[in-house]
């Protein structure tokens, strides 16, 4: 079970099965976090607004 950062690193190391990449595991985790964060959407990230378009542009508050 992965319940903290060190067990996450150990799980990634076991999955990789490559000792030469062990030093890069924190980079892999950081890249995965960035990708997940960019793709995930939650309700708090959405906002509704209304306005008038002029030349295909709208002024945002």
N, C-alpha and C. Protein backbone atom coordinates (compact mmCIF):
# COMPACT_ATOMS: atom_id res chain seq x y z
N UNK A 1 0.85 -1.18 0.00
CA UNK A 1 0.00 0.00 0.00
C UNK A 1 0.89 1.24 0.00
N UNK A 2 0.55 2.18 -0.84
CA UNK A 2 1.29 3.44 -0.92
C UNK A 2 0.58 4.44 -0.01
N UNK A 3 1.26 4.85 1.06
CA UNK A 3 0.64 5.78 1.99
C UNK A 3 1.51 6.99 2.31
N UNK A 4 2.69 7.08 1.73
CA UNK A 4 3.52 8.27 1.90
C UNK A 4 4.51 8.34 0.72
N UNK A 5 5.29 9.40 0.72
CA UNK A 5 6.18 9.65 -0.42
C UNK A 5 7.25 8.56 -0.56
N UNK A 6 7.78 8.09 0.55
CA UNK A 6 8.84 7.08 0.46
C UNK A 6 8.30 5.75 -0.07
N UNK A 7 7.08 5.37 0.31
CA UNK A 7 6.52 4.14 -0.25
C UNK A 7 6.14 4.33 -1.72
N UNK A 8 5.77 5.54 -2.10
CA UNK A 8 5.52 5.83 -3.52
C UNK A 8 6.81 5.66 -4.32
N UNK A 9 7.90 6.21 -3.80
CA UNK A 9 9.19 6.06 -4.48
C UNK A 9 9.59 4.59 -4.59
N UNK A 10 9.37 3.83 -3.53
CA UNK A 10 9.70 2.40 -3.55
C UNK A 10 8.85 1.65 -4.57
N UNK A 11 7.58 2.01 -4.66
CA UNK A 11 6.69 1.36 -5.62
C UNK A 11 7.10 1.68 -7.05
N UNK A 12 7.48 2.92 -7.30
CA UNK A 12 7.95 3.30 -8.64
C UNK A 12 9.25 2.56 -8.96
N UNK A 13 10.15 2.46 -8.00
CA UNK A 13 11.41 1.74 -8.21
C UNK A 13 11.14 0.28 -8.54
N UNK A 14 10.21 -0.34 -7.82
CA UNK A 14 9.88 -1.75 -8.09
C UNK A 14 9.26 -1.90 -9.47
N UNK A 15 8.44 -0.95 -9.86
CA UNK A 15 7.78 -1.00 -11.16
C UNK A 15 8.80 -0.83 -12.29
N UNK A 16 9.76 0.08 -12.08
CA UNK A 16 10.77 0.33 -13.11
C UNK A 16 11.71 -0.85 -13.30
N UNK A 17 12.10 -1.47 -12.19
CA UNK A 17 13.08 -2.58 -12.21
C UNK A 17 14.37 -2.18 -12.92
N UNK A 18 14.77 -0.92 -12.74
CA UNK A 18 16.01 -0.43 -13.33
C UNK A 18 16.74 0.44 -12.31
N UNK A 19 17.84 -0.07 -11.81
CA UNK A 19 18.61 0.65 -10.79
C UNK A 19 19.19 1.95 -11.33
N UNK A 20 19.47 2.01 -12.65
CA UNK A 20 20.07 3.21 -13.22
C UNK A 20 19.12 4.39 -13.25
N UNK A 21 17.82 4.17 -13.04
CA UNK A 21 16.84 5.25 -13.04
C UNK A 21 16.40 5.66 -11.63
N UNK A 22 16.97 5.05 -10.62
CA UNK A 22 16.54 5.31 -9.24
C UNK A 22 16.66 6.78 -8.87
N UNK A 23 17.70 7.43 -9.32
CA UNK A 23 17.90 8.85 -8.97
C UNK A 23 16.88 9.75 -9.66
N UNK A 24 16.23 9.27 -10.71
CA UNK A 24 15.26 10.07 -11.46
C UNK A 24 13.83 9.90 -10.97
N UNK A 25 13.61 9.02 -10.01
CA UNK A 25 12.25 8.74 -9.53
C UNK A 25 11.55 10.00 -9.03
N UNK A 26 12.18 10.89 -8.25
CA UNK A 26 11.48 12.12 -7.87
C UNK A 26 11.04 12.96 -9.07
N UNK A 27 11.85 12.96 -10.14
CA UNK A 27 11.46 13.67 -11.36
C UNK A 27 10.24 13.04 -12.00
N UNK A 28 10.20 11.71 -12.05
CA UNK A 28 9.05 11.01 -12.62
C UNK A 28 7.78 11.34 -11.85
N UNK A 29 7.90 11.35 -10.53
CA UNK A 29 6.73 11.65 -9.69
C UNK A 29 6.27 13.08 -9.93
N UNK A 30 7.20 14.02 -9.99
CA UNK A 30 6.85 15.42 -10.22
C UNK A 30 6.20 15.61 -11.59
N UNK A 31 6.71 14.94 -12.61
CA UNK A 31 6.11 15.03 -13.94
C UNK A 31 4.70 14.44 -13.95
N UNK A 32 4.52 13.32 -13.26
CA UNK A 32 3.19 12.71 -13.19
C UNK A 32 2.21 13.63 -12.47
N UNK A 33 2.65 14.25 -11.37
CA UNK A 33 1.79 15.19 -10.64
C UNK A 33 1.38 16.35 -11.53
N UNK A 34 2.32 16.88 -12.30
CA UNK A 34 2.02 18.01 -13.18
C UNK A 34 1.02 17.61 -14.26
N UNK A 35 1.20 16.42 -14.82
CA UNK A 35 0.27 15.97 -15.87
C UNK A 35 -1.12 15.73 -15.31
N UNK A 36 -1.20 15.09 -14.17
CA UNK A 36 -2.50 14.83 -13.55
C UNK A 36 -3.17 16.15 -13.20
N UNK A 37 -2.41 17.07 -12.65
CA UNK A 37 -2.97 18.37 -12.26
C UNK A 37 -3.48 19.14 -13.47
N UNK A 38 -2.80 19.04 -14.59
CA UNK A 38 -3.22 19.75 -15.80
C UNK A 38 -4.48 19.15 -16.40
N UNK A 39 -4.67 17.84 -16.24
CA UNK A 39 -5.80 17.16 -16.86
C UNK A 39 -7.04 17.10 -15.98
N UNK A 40 -6.86 17.16 -14.69
CA UNK A 40 -8.01 16.99 -13.80
C UNK A 40 -8.80 18.29 -13.70
N UNK A 41 -10.07 18.16 -13.61
CA UNK A 41 -10.95 19.32 -13.46
C UNK A 41 -11.91 19.04 -12.31
N UNK A 42 -12.04 20.00 -11.45
CA UNK A 42 -12.99 19.90 -10.35
C UNK A 42 -13.94 21.08 -10.42
N UNK A 43 -15.06 20.94 -9.79
CA UNK A 43 -16.10 21.96 -9.86
C UNK A 43 -15.58 23.34 -9.44
N UNK A 44 -14.70 23.40 -8.46
CA UNK A 44 -14.19 24.68 -7.97
C UNK A 44 -13.36 25.41 -9.03
N UNK A 45 -12.91 24.69 -10.06
CA UNK A 45 -12.11 25.31 -11.11
C UNK A 45 -12.97 25.94 -12.20
N UNK A 46 -14.24 25.61 -12.24
CA UNK A 46 -15.15 26.14 -13.25
C UNK A 46 -15.80 27.42 -12.77
N UNK A 47 -16.04 28.31 -13.70
CA UNK A 47 -16.73 29.55 -13.38
C UNK A 47 -17.65 29.89 -14.55
N UNK A 48 -18.83 30.36 -14.22
CA UNK A 48 -19.78 30.77 -15.25
C UNK A 48 -19.82 32.29 -15.30
N UNK A 49 -19.94 32.81 -16.50
CA UNK A 49 -20.07 34.25 -16.64
C UNK A 49 -20.90 34.54 -17.88
N UNK A 50 -21.38 35.73 -17.94
CA UNK A 50 -22.13 36.15 -19.12
C UNK A 50 -21.62 37.53 -19.53
N UNK A 51 -21.74 37.82 -20.79
CA UNK A 51 -21.27 39.10 -21.28
C UNK A 51 -21.63 39.27 -22.74
N UNK A 52 -21.17 40.35 -23.30
CA UNK A 52 -21.44 40.67 -24.69
C UNK A 52 -20.14 40.55 -25.47
N UNK A 53 -20.22 39.86 -26.59
CA UNK A 53 -19.05 39.74 -27.46
C UNK A 53 -18.99 40.90 -28.43
N UNK A 54 -17.82 41.45 -28.59
CA UNK A 54 -17.58 42.50 -29.58
C UNK A 54 -16.34 42.08 -30.35
N UNK A 55 -16.50 41.86 -31.64
CA UNK A 55 -15.39 41.38 -32.48
C UNK A 55 -14.80 40.09 -31.92
N UNK A 56 -15.68 39.19 -31.48
CA UNK A 56 -15.29 37.89 -30.94
C UNK A 56 -14.46 37.99 -29.67
N UNK A 57 -14.58 39.07 -28.94
CA UNK A 57 -13.85 39.25 -27.69
C UNK A 57 -14.82 39.67 -26.61
N UNK A 58 -14.51 39.29 -25.38
CA UNK A 58 -15.32 39.69 -24.23
C UNK A 58 -14.39 40.19 -23.14
N UNK A 59 -14.82 41.18 -22.40
CA UNK A 59 -14.06 41.70 -21.28
C UNK A 59 -14.39 40.85 -20.06
N UNK A 60 -13.37 40.34 -19.42
CA UNK A 60 -13.56 39.52 -18.23
C UNK A 60 -13.37 40.36 -16.98
N UNK A 61 -14.10 40.00 -15.93
CA UNK A 61 -13.95 40.77 -14.68
C UNK A 61 -12.60 40.56 -14.04
